[in-house]
């Protein structure tokens, strides 16, 4: 059963297809390098993502992203109001 690949906008038989260009875009590759930055704990300049994460974890910290954190917990208002009223009564207010 023949196998086909995509080359120059066409689907061709893999056996006769030329190799991909060296400059062809590669999708899904995540590199370990990053622009050099100082680690907030050690103040060392680092350009390795895995090294940065290892130092962060070694010091017992957690790396978080830059997305906005939202509190998704729901407050039971009737119960909260009752608890506040009870606390006020106990304090003599």
PDB file of N, CA and C in Angstrom:
ATOM      1  N   UNK A   1       0.859  -1.173   0.000  1.00  0.00           N
ATOM      2  CA  UNK A   1       0.000   0.000   0.000  1.00  0.00           C
ATOM      3  C   UNK A   1       0.907   1.238   0.000  1.00  0.00           C
ATOM      4  N   UNK A   2       0.740   2.120  -0.950  1.00  0.00           N
ATOM      5  CA  UNK A   2       1.615   3.297  -1.024  1.00  0.00           C
ATOM      6  C   UNK A   2       1.296   4.313   0.075  1.00  0.00           C
ATOM      7  N   UNK A   3       2.320   5.079   0.432  1.00  0.00           N
ATOM      8  CA  UNK A   3       2.180   6.158   1.405  1.00  0.00           C
ATOM      9  C   UNK A   3       2.380   7.469   0.668  1.00  0.00           C
ATOM     10  N   UNK A   4       1.602   8.468   1.021  1.00  0.00           N
ATOM     11  CA  UNK A   4       1.682   9.756   0.345  1.00  0.00           C
ATOM     12  C   UNK A   4       2.112  10.848   1.313  1.00  0.00           C
ATOM     13  N   UNK A   5       2.789  11.850   0.763  1.00  0.00           N
ATOM     14  CA  UNK A   5       3.229  13.001   1.540  1.00  0.00           C
ATOM     15  C   UNK A   5       2.868  14.265   0.787  1.00  0.00           C
ATOM     16  N   UNK A   6       2.918  15.384   1.490  1.00  0.00           N
ATOM     17  CA  UNK A   6       2.555  16.672   0.912  1.00  0.00           C
ATOM     18  C   UNK A   6       3.833  17.437   0.579  1.00  0.00           C
ATOM     19  N   UNK A   7       4.067  17.742  -0.693  1.00  0.00           N
ATOM     20  CA  UNK A   7       5.239  18.490  -1.134  1.00  0.00           C
ATOM     21  C   UNK A   7       4.820  19.564  -2.134  1.00  0.00           C
ATOM     22  N   UNK A   8       5.250  20.784  -1.902  1.00  0.00           N
ATOM     23  CA  UNK A   8       5.006  21.912  -2.819  1.00  0.00           C
ATOM     24  C   UNK A   8       3.541  22.050  -3.198  1.00  0.00           C
ATOM     25  N   UNK A   9       2.665  21.870  -2.231  1.00  0.00           N
ATOM     26  CA  UNK A   9       1.236  22.055  -2.473  1.00  0.00           C
ATOM     27  C   UNK A   9       0.563  20.885  -3.158  1.00  0.00           C
ATOM     28  N   UNK A  10       1.262  19.756  -3.302  1.00  0.00           N
ATOM     29  CA  UNK A  10       0.675  18.583  -3.954  1.00  0.00           C
ATOM     30  C   UNK A  10       0.884  17.352  -3.084  1.00  0.00           C
ATOM     31  N   UNK A  11       0.013  16.381  -3.221  1.00  0.00           N
ATOM     32  CA  UNK A  11       0.158  15.093  -2.556  1.00  0.00           C
ATOM     33  C   UNK A  11       0.882  14.175  -3.543  1.00  0.00           C
ATOM     34  N   UNK A  12       2.039  13.616  -3.122  1.00  0.00           N
ATOM     35  CA  UNK A  12       2.835  12.759  -4.005  1.00  0.00           C
ATOM     36  C   UNK A  12       3.199  11.466  -3.283  1.00  0.00           C
ATOM     37  N   UNK A  13       3.558  10.459  -4.085  1.00  0.00           N
ATOM     38  CA  UNK A  13       3.984   9.178  -3.528  1.00  0.00           C
ATOM     39  C   UNK A  13       5.274   9.389  -2.733  1.00  0.00           C
ATOM     40  N   UNK A  14       5.327   8.870  -1.522  1.00  0.00           N
ATOM     41  CA  UNK A  14       6.483   9.076  -0.659  1.00  0.00           C
ATOM     42  C   UNK A  14       7.765   8.499  -1.265  1.00  0.00           C
ATOM     43  N   UNK A  15       7.643   7.406  -1.999  1.00  0.00           N
ATOM     44  CA  UNK A  15       8.808   6.762  -2.596  1.00  0.00           C
ATOM     45  C   UNK A  15       9.496   7.663  -3.621  1.00  0.00           C
ATOM     46  N   UNK A  16       8.741   8.529  -4.280  1.00  0.00           N
ATOM     47  CA  UNK A  16       9.327   9.392  -5.316  1.00  0.00           C
ATOM     48  C   UNK A  16       9.458  10.850  -4.870  1.00  0.00           C
ATOM     49  N   UNK A  17       9.007  11.149  -3.660  1.00  0.00           N
ATOM     50  CA  UNK A  17       9.044  12.543  -3.178  1.00  0.00           C
ATOM     51  C   UNK A  17      10.471  12.939  -2.817  1.00  0.00           C
ATOM     52  N   UNK A  18      10.820  14.171  -3.150  1.00  0.00           N
ATOM     53  CA  UNK A  18      12.128  14.688  -2.765  1.00  0.00           C
ATOM     54  C   UNK A  18      12.083  15.034  -1.274  1.00  0.00           C
ATOM     55  N   UNK A  19      13.244  15.094  -0.610  1.00  0.00           N
ATOM     56  CA  UNK A  19      13.254  15.454   0.811  1.00  0.00           C
ATOM     57  C   UNK A  19      12.706  16.853   1.029  1.00  0.00           C
ATOM     58  N   UNK A  20      12.180  17.078   2.217  1.00  0.00           N
ATOM     59  CA  UNK A  20      11.681  18.421   2.537  1.00  0.00           C
ATOM     60  C   UNK A  20      12.824  19.399   2.589  1.00  0.00           C
ATOM     61  N   UNK A  21      12.525  20.623   2.301  1.00  0.00           N
ATOM     62  CA  UNK A  21      13.527  21.679   2.368  1.00  0.00           C
ATOM     63  C   UNK A  21      13.998  21.847   3.810  1.00  0.00           C
ATOM     64  N   UNK A  22      15.255  22.242   3.978  1.00  0.00           N
ATOM     65  CA  UNK A  22      15.805  22.485   5.312  1.00  0.00           C
ATOM     66  C   UNK A  22      15.071  23.649   5.975  1.00  0.00           C
ATOM     67  N   UNK A  23      14.586  24.579   5.185  1.00  0.00           N
ATOM     68  CA  UNK A  23      13.913  25.762   5.709  1.00  0.00           C
ATOM     69  C   UNK A  23      12.405  25.586   5.861  1.00  0.00           C
ATOM     70  N   UNK A  24      11.913  24.366   5.647  1.00  0.00           N
ATOM     71  CA  UNK A  24      10.474  24.140   5.754  1.00  0.00           C
ATOM     72  C   UNK A  24      10.021  24.349   7.192  1.00  0.00           C
ATOM     73  N   UNK A  25       8.836  24.939   7.383  1.00  0.00           N
ATOM     74  CA  UNK A  25       8.358  25.176   8.745  1.00  0.00           C
ATOM     75  C   UNK A  25       8.068  23.863   9.459  1.00  0.00           C
ATOM     76  N   UNK A  26       8.421  23.807  10.713  1.00  0.00           N
ATOM     77  CA  UNK A  26       8.179  22.625  11.530  1.00  0.00           C
ATOM     78  C   UNK A  26       7.187  23.016  12.609  1.00  0.00           C
ATOM     79  N   UNK A  27       6.118  22.271  12.707  1.00  0.00           N
ATOM     80  CA  UNK A  27       5.090  22.597  13.687  1.00  0.00           C
ATOM     81  C   UNK A  27       5.220  21.705  14.908  1.00  0.00           C
ATOM     82  N   UNK A  28       4.838  22.238  16.048  1.00  0.00           N
ATOM     83  CA  UNK A  28       4.761  21.439  17.254  1.00  0.00           C
ATOM     84  C   UNK A  28       6.083  21.220  17.968  1.00  0.00           C
ATOM     85  N   UNK A  29       7.098  21.980  17.638  1.00  0.00           N
ATOM     86  CA  UNK A  29       8.380  21.815  18.315  1.00  0.00           C
ATOM     87  C   UNK A  29       8.503  22.881  19.391  1.00  0.00           C
ATOM     88  N   UNK A  30       8.709  22.447  20.623  1.00  0.00           N
ATOM     89  CA  UNK A  30       8.888  23.369  21.735  1.00  0.00           C
ATOM     90  C   UNK A  30      10.343  23.282  22.159  1.00  0.00           C
ATOM     91  N   UNK A  31      11.049  24.379  22.035  1.00  0.00           N
ATOM     92  CA  UNK A  31      12.469  24.351  22.376  1.00  0.00           C
ATOM     93  C   UNK A  31      12.671  24.606  23.866  1.00  0.00           C
ATOM     94  N   UNK A  32      13.848  24.268  24.359  1.00  0.00           N
ATOM     95  CA  UNK A  32      14.186  24.470  25.761  1.00  0.00           C
ATOM     96  C   UNK A  32      14.818  25.841  25.987  1.00  0.00           C
ATOM     97  N   UNK A  33      15.091  26.556  24.919  1.00  0.00           N
ATOM     98  CA  UNK A  33      15.745  27.856  25.087  1.00  0.00           C
ATOM     99  C   UNK A  33      14.705  28.963  25.216  1.00  0.00           C
ATOM    100  N   UNK A  34      15.110  30.024  25.890  1.00  0.00           N
ATOM    101  CA  UNK A  34      14.268  31.211  26.061  1.00  0.00           C
ATOM    102  C   UNK A  34      15.201  32.407  26.137  1.00  0.00           C
ATOM    103  N   UNK A  35      14.688  33.590  25.947  1.00  0.00           N
ATOM    104  CA  UNK A  35      15.539  34.762  26.138  1.00  0.00           C
ATOM    105  C   UNK A  35      16.068  34.771  27.575  1.00  0.00           C
ATOM    106  N   UNK A  36      17.340  35.081  27.740  1.00  0.00           N
ATOM    107  CA  UNK A  36      17.952  35.040  29.068  1.00  0.00           C
ATOM    108  C   UNK A  36      17.233  35.976  30.028  1.00  0.00           C
ATOM    109  N   UNK A  37      16.992  35.473  31.229  1.00  0.00           N
ATOM    110  CA  UNK A  37      16.359  36.292  32.272  1.00  0.00           C
ATOM    111  C   UNK A  37      16.891  35.871  33.633  1.00  0.00           C
ATOM    112  N   UNK A  38      16.812  36.774  34.586  1.00  0.00           N
ATOM    113  CA  UNK A  38      17.277  36.480  35.939  1.00  0.00           C
ATOM    114  C   UNK A  38      16.198  35.725  36.693  1.00  0.00           C
ATOM    115  N   UNK A  39      16.632  34.663  37.363  1.00  0.00           N
ATOM    116  CA  UNK A  39      15.688  33.901  38.176  1.00  0.00           C
ATOM    117  C   UNK A  39      15.379  34.734  39.418  1.00  0.00           C
ATOM    118  N   UNK A  40      14.107  34.909  39.779  1.00  0.00           N
ATOM    119  CA  UNK A  40      13.766  35.766  40.910  1.00  0.00           C
ATOM    120  C   UNK A  40      14.270  35.269  42.261  1.00  0.00           C
ATOM    121  N   UNK A  41      14.594  33.987  42.381  1.00  0.00           N
ATOM    122  CA  UNK A  41      15.071  33.460  43.655  1.00  0.00           C
ATOM    123  C   UNK A  41      16.593  33.541  43.749  1.00  0.00           C
ATOM    124  N   UNK A  42      17.281  33.044  42.722  1.00  0.00           N
ATOM    125  CA  UNK A  42      18.743  32.959  42.780  1.00  0.00           C
ATOM    126  C   UNK A  42      19.448  34.150  42.165  1.00  0.00           C
ATOM    127  N   UNK A  43      18.741  34.933  41.391  1.00  0.00           N
ATOM    128  CA  UNK A  43      19.287  36.083  40.651  1.00  0.00           C
ATOM    129  C   UNK A  43      20.314  35.666  39.604  1.00  0.00           C
ATOM    130  N   UNK A  44      20.360  34.370  39.240  1.00  0.00           N
ATOM    131  CA  UNK A  44      21.261  33.900  38.192  1.00  0.00           C
ATOM    132  C   UNK A  44      20.596  34.101  36.840  1.00  0.00           C
ATOM    133  N   UNK A  45      21.401  34.445  35.831  1.00  0.00           N
ATOM    134  CA  UNK A  45      20.905  34.618  34.476  1.00  0.00           C
ATOM    135  C   UNK A  45      20.695  33.234  33.867  1.00  0.00           C
ATOM    136  N   UNK A  46      19.490  32.944  33.373  1.00  0.00           N
ATOM    137  CA  UNK A  46      19.168  31.614  32.844  1.00  0.00           C
ATOM    138  C   UNK A  46      18.543  31.733  31.466  1.00  0.00           C
ATOM    139  N   UNK A  47      18.888  30.789  30.563  1.00  0.00           N
ATOM    140  CA  UNK A  47      18.277  30.765  29.238  1.00  0.00           C
ATOM    141  C   UNK A  47      17.693  29.389  28.902  1.00  0.00           C
ATOM    142  N   UNK A  48      17.530  28.536  29.920  1.00  0.00           N
ATOM    143  CA  UNK A  48      16.956  27.212  29.739  1.00  0.00           C
ATOM    144  C   UNK A  48      15.632  27.137  30.509  1.00  0.00           C
ATOM    145  N   UNK A  49      14.567  26.773  29.797  1.00  0.00           N
ATOM    146  CA  UNK A  49      13.262  26.660  30.450  1.00  0.00           C
ATOM    147  C   UNK A  49      13.268  25.549  31.507  1.00  0.00           C
ATOM    148  N   UNK A  50      13.856  24.403  31.161  1.00  0.00           N
ATOM    149  CA  UNK A  50      13.846  23.292  32.113  1.00  0.00           C
ATOM    150  C   UNK A  50      14.721  23.609  33.324  1.00  0.00           C
ATOM    151  N   UNK A  51      15.835  24.292  33.105  1.00  0.00           N
ATOM    152  CA  UNK A  51      16.683  24.693  34.225  1.00  0.00           C
ATOM    153  C   UNK A  51      15.973  25.664  35.143  1.00  0.00           C
ATOM    154  N   UNK A  52      15.267  26.622  34.549  1.00  0.00           N
ATOM    155  CA  UNK A  52      14.500  27.614  35.303  1.00  0.00           C
ATOM    156  C   UNK A  52      13.449  26.919  36.163  1.00  0.00           C
ATOM    157  N   UNK A  53      12.735  25.976  35.549  1.00  0.00           N
ATOM    158  CA  UNK A  53      11.684  25.258  36.283  1.00  0.00           C
ATOM    159  C   UNK A  53      12.264  24.380  37.385  1.00  0.00           C
ATOM    160  N   UNK A  54      13.424  23.773  37.129  1.00  0.00           N
ATOM    161  CA  UNK A  54      14.059  22.916  38.135  1.00  0.00           C
ATOM    162  C   UNK A  54      14.475  23.732  39.364  1.00  0.00           C
ATOM    163  N   UNK A  55      15.047  24.924  39.144  1.00  0.00           N
ATOM    164  CA  UNK A  55      15.444  25.781  40.270  1.00  0.00           C
ATOM    165  C   UNK A  55      14.211  26.226  41.046  1.00  0.00           C
ATOM    166  N   UNK A  56      13.173  26.619  40.329  1.00  0.00           N
ATOM    167  CA  UNK A  56      11.934  27.061  40.975  1.00  0.00           C
ATOM    168  C   UNK A  56      11.372  25.953  41.863  1.00  0.00           C
ATOM    169  N   UNK A  57      11.339  24.729  41.328  1.00  0.00           N
ATOM    170  CA  UNK A  57      10.802  23.591  42.078  1.00  0.00           C
ATOM    171  C   UNK A  57      11.709  23.240  43.259  1.00  0.00           C
ATOM    172  N   UNK A  58      13.042  23.324  43.073  1.00  0.00           N
ATOM    173  CA  UNK A  58      13.989  22.985  44.136  1.00  0.00           C
ATOM    174  C   UNK A  58      13.819  23.895  45.351  1.00  0.00           C
ATOM    175  N   UNK A  59      13.397  25.120  45.133  1.00  0.00           N
ATOM    176  CA  UNK A  59      13.188  26.057  46.239  1.00  0.00           C
ATOM    177  C   UNK A  59      11.762  25.996  46.780  1.00  0.00           C
ATOM    178  N   UNK A  60      10.975  25.018  46.316  1.00  0.00           N
ATOM    179  CA  UNK A  60       9.629  24.809  46.836  1.00  0.00           C
ATOM    180  C   UNK A  60       8.602  25.793  46.326  1.00  0.00           C
ATOM    181  N   UNK A  61       8.882  26.413  45.197  1.00  0.00           N
ATOM    182  CA  UNK A  61       7.947  27.392  44.627  1.00  0.00           C
ATOM    183  C   UNK A  61       7.199  26.772  43.451  1.00  0.00           C
ATOM    184  N   UNK A  62       6.172  27.468  42.993  1.00  0.00           N
ATOM    185  CA  UNK A  62       5.355  27.001  41.885  1.00  0.00           C
ATOM    186  C   UNK A  62       5.391  28.050  40.781  1.00  0.00           C
ATOM    187  N   UNK A  63       5.637  27.608  39.569  1.00  0.00           N
ATOM    188  CA  UNK A  63       5.631  28.504  38.417  1.00  0.00           C
ATOM    189  C   UNK A  63       4.192  28.662  37.939  1.00  0.00           C
ATOM    190  N   UNK A  64       3.759  29.894  37.740  1.00  0.00           N
ATOM    191  CA  UNK A  64       2.408  30.150  37.238  1.00  0.00           C
ATOM    192  C   UNK A  64       2.513  30.941  35.956  1.00  0.00           C
ATOM    193  N   UNK A  65       1.484  30.892  35.165  1.00  0.00           N
ATOM    194  CA  UNK A  65       1.466  31.623  33.906  1.00  0.00           C
ATOM    195  C   UNK A  65       1.078  33.065  34.114  1.00  0.00           C
ATOM    196  N   UNK A  66       0.867  33.753  33.008  1.00  0.00           N
ATOM    197  CA  UNK A  66       0.504  35.156  33.100  1.00  0.00           C
ATOM    198  C   UNK A  66      -0.981  35.385  32.833  1.00  0.00           C
ATOM    199  N   UNK A  67      -1.760  34.306  32.828  1.00  0.00           N
ATOM    200  CA  UNK A  67      -3.185  34.467  32.618  1.00  0.00           C
ATOM    201  C   UNK A  67      -3.831  35.011  33.896  1.00  0.00           C
ATOM    202  N   UNK A  68      -4.971  35.639  33.738  1.00  0.00           N
ATOM    203  CA  UNK A  68      -5.679  36.219  34.878  1.00  0.00           C
ATOM    204  C   UNK A  68      -6.316  35.094  35.682  1.00  0.00           C
ATOM    205  N   UNK A  69      -6.040  35.071  36.982  1.00  0.00           N
ATOM    206  CA  UNK A  69      -6.618  34.056  37.852  1.00  0.00           C
ATOM    207  C   UNK A  69      -7.991  34.540  38.324  1.00  0.00           C
ATOM    208  N   UNK A  70      -8.962  33.674  38.233  1.00  0.00           N
ATOM    209  CA  UNK A  70     -10.306  34.040  38.669  1.00  0.00           C
ATOM    210  C   UNK A  70     -10.741  33.093  39.782  1.00  0.00           C
ATOM    211  N   UNK A  71     -11.398  33.650  40.772  1.00  0.00           N
ATOM    212  CA  UNK A  71     -11.931  32.852  41.867  1.00  0.00           C
ATOM    213  C   UNK A  71     -13.280  32.304  41.419  1.00  0.00           C
ATOM    214  N   UNK A  72     -13.372  31.010  41.231  1.00  0.00           N
ATOM    215  CA  UNK A  72     -14.607  30.407  40.728  1.00  0.00           C
ATOM    216  C   UNK A  72     -15.465  29.819  41.848  1.00  0.00           C
ATOM    217  N   UNK A  73     -15.022  30.009  43.100  1.00  0.00           N
ATOM    218  CA  UNK A  73     -15.822  29.496  44.217  1.00  0.00           C
ATOM    219  C   UNK A  73     -17.100  30.315  44.354  1.00  0.00           C
ATOM    220  N   UNK A  74     -18.167  29.652  44.727  1.00  0.00           N
ATOM    221  CA  UNK A  74     -19.450  30.334  44.901  1.00  0.00           C
ATOM    222  C   UNK A  74     -19.716  30.496  46.392  1.00  0.00           C
ATOM    223  N   UNK A  75     -20.236  31.646  46.762  1.00  0.00           N
ATOM    224  CA  UNK A  75     -20.545  31.917  48.162  1.00  0.00           C
ATOM    225  C   UNK A  75     -22.038  31.721  48.367  1.00  0.00           C
ATOM    226  N   UNK A  76     -22.386  30.966  49.407  1.00  0.00           N
ATOM    227  CA  UNK A  76     -23.786  30.744  49.754  1.00  0.00           C
ATOM    228  C   UNK A  76     -24.236  31.950  50.579  1.00  0.00           C
ATOM    229  N   UNK A  77     -24.886  32.924  49.945  1.00  0.00           N
ATOM    230  CA  UNK A  77     -25.228  34.194  50.594  1.00  0.00           C
ATOM    231  C   UNK A  77     -26.145  34.043  51.811  1.00  0.00           C
ATOM    232  N   UNK A  78     -27.219  33.255  51.761  1.00  0.00           N
ATOM    233  CA  UNK A  78     -28.054  33.137  52.962  1.00  0.00           C
ATOM    234  C   UNK A  78     -27.254  32.598  54.150  1.00  0.00           C
ATOM    235  N   UNK A  79     -26.417  31.611  53.919  1.00  0.00           N
ATOM    236  CA  UNK A  79     -25.608  31.047  54.988  1.00  0.00           C
ATOM    237  C   UNK A  79     -24.605  32.079  55.497  1.00  0.00           C
ATOM    238  N   UNK A  80     -24.015  32.842  54.588  1.00  0.00           N
ATOM    239  CA  UNK A  80     -23.041  33.865  54.972  1.00  0.00           C
ATOM    240  C   UNK A  80     -23.706  34.940  55.826  1.00  0.00           C
ATOM    241  N   UNK A  81     -24.893  35.388  55.419  1.00  0.00           N
ATOM    242  CA  UNK A  81     -25.610  36.411  56.183  1.00  0.00           C
ATOM    243  C   UNK A  81     -25.964  35.901  57.579  1.00  0.00           C
ATOM    244  N   UNK A  82     -26.370  34.643  57.675  1.00  0.00           N
ATOM    245  CA  UNK A  82     -26.688  34.051  58.978  1.00  0.00           C
ATOM    246  C   UNK A  82     -25.457  33.965  59.870  1.00  0.00           C
ATOM    247  N   UNK A  83     -24.314  33.601  59.280  1.00  0.00           N
ATOM    248  CA  UNK A  83     -23.070  33.513  60.048  1.00  0.00           C
ATOM    249  C   UNK A  83     -22.646  34.886  60.573  1.00  0.00           C
ATOM    250  N   UNK A  84     -22.808  35.912  59.750  1.00  0.00           N
ATOM    251  CA  UNK A  84     -22.450  37.279  60.169  1.00  0.00           C
ATOM    252  C   UNK A  84     -23.366  37.736  61.298  1.00  0.00           C
ATOM    253  N   UNK A  85     -24.680  37.496  61.165  1.00  0.00           N
ATOM    254  CA  UNK A  85     -25.637  37.879  62.207  1.00  0.00           C
ATOM    255  C   UNK A  85     -25.331  37.148  63.511  1.00  0.00           C
ATOM    256  N   UNK A  86     -24.984  35.883  63.431  1.00  0.00           N
ATOM    257  CA  UNK A  86     -24.633  35.107  64.620  1.00  0.00           C
ATOM    258  C   UNK A  86     -23.379  35.675  65.294  1.00  0.00           C
ATOM    259  N   UNK A  87     -22.376  36.039  64.510  1.00  0.00           N
ATOM    260  CA  UNK A  87     -21.148  36.607  65.073  1.00  0.00           C
ATOM    261  C   UNK A  87     -21.417  37.923  65.745  1.00  0.00           C
ATOM    262  N   UNK A  88     -22.301  38.745  65.168  1.00  0.00           N
ATOM    263  CA  UNK A  88     -22.640  40.045  65.765  1.00  0.00           C
ATOM    264  C   UNK A  88     -23.367  39.833  67.098  1.00  0.00           C
ATOM    265  N   UNK A  89     -24.294  38.875  67.140  1.00  0.00           N
ATOM    266  CA  UNK A  89     -25.019  38.583  68.402  1.00  0.00           C
ATOM    267  C   UNK A  89     -24.045  38.105  69.474  1.00  0.00           C
ATOM    268  N   UNK A  90     -23.101  37.241  69.101  1.00  0.00           N
ATOM    269  CA  UNK A  90     -22.133  36.738  70.087  1.00  0.00           C
ATOM    270  C   UNK A  90     -21.242  37.844  70.645  1.00  0.00           C
ATOM    271  N   UNK A  91     -20.924  38.812  69.805  1.00  0.00           N
ATOM    272  CA  UNK A  91     -20.063  39.915  70.245  1.00  0.00           C
ATOM    273  C   UNK A  91     -20.842  40.988  71.000  1.00  0.00           C
ATOM    274  N   UNK A  92     -22.162  40.841  71.073  1.00  0.00           N
ATOM    275  CA  UNK A  92     -22.979  41.785  71.821  1.00  0.00           C
ATOM    276  C   UNK A  92     -23.269  43.053  71.054  1.00  0.00           C
ATOM    277  N   UNK A  93     -23.280  42.970  69.740  1.00  0.00           N
ATOM    278  CA  UNK A  93     -23.493  44.199  68.950  1.00  0.00           C
ATOM    279  C   UNK A  93     -24.878  44.431  68.514  1.00  0.00           C
TER     280      UNK A  93
END
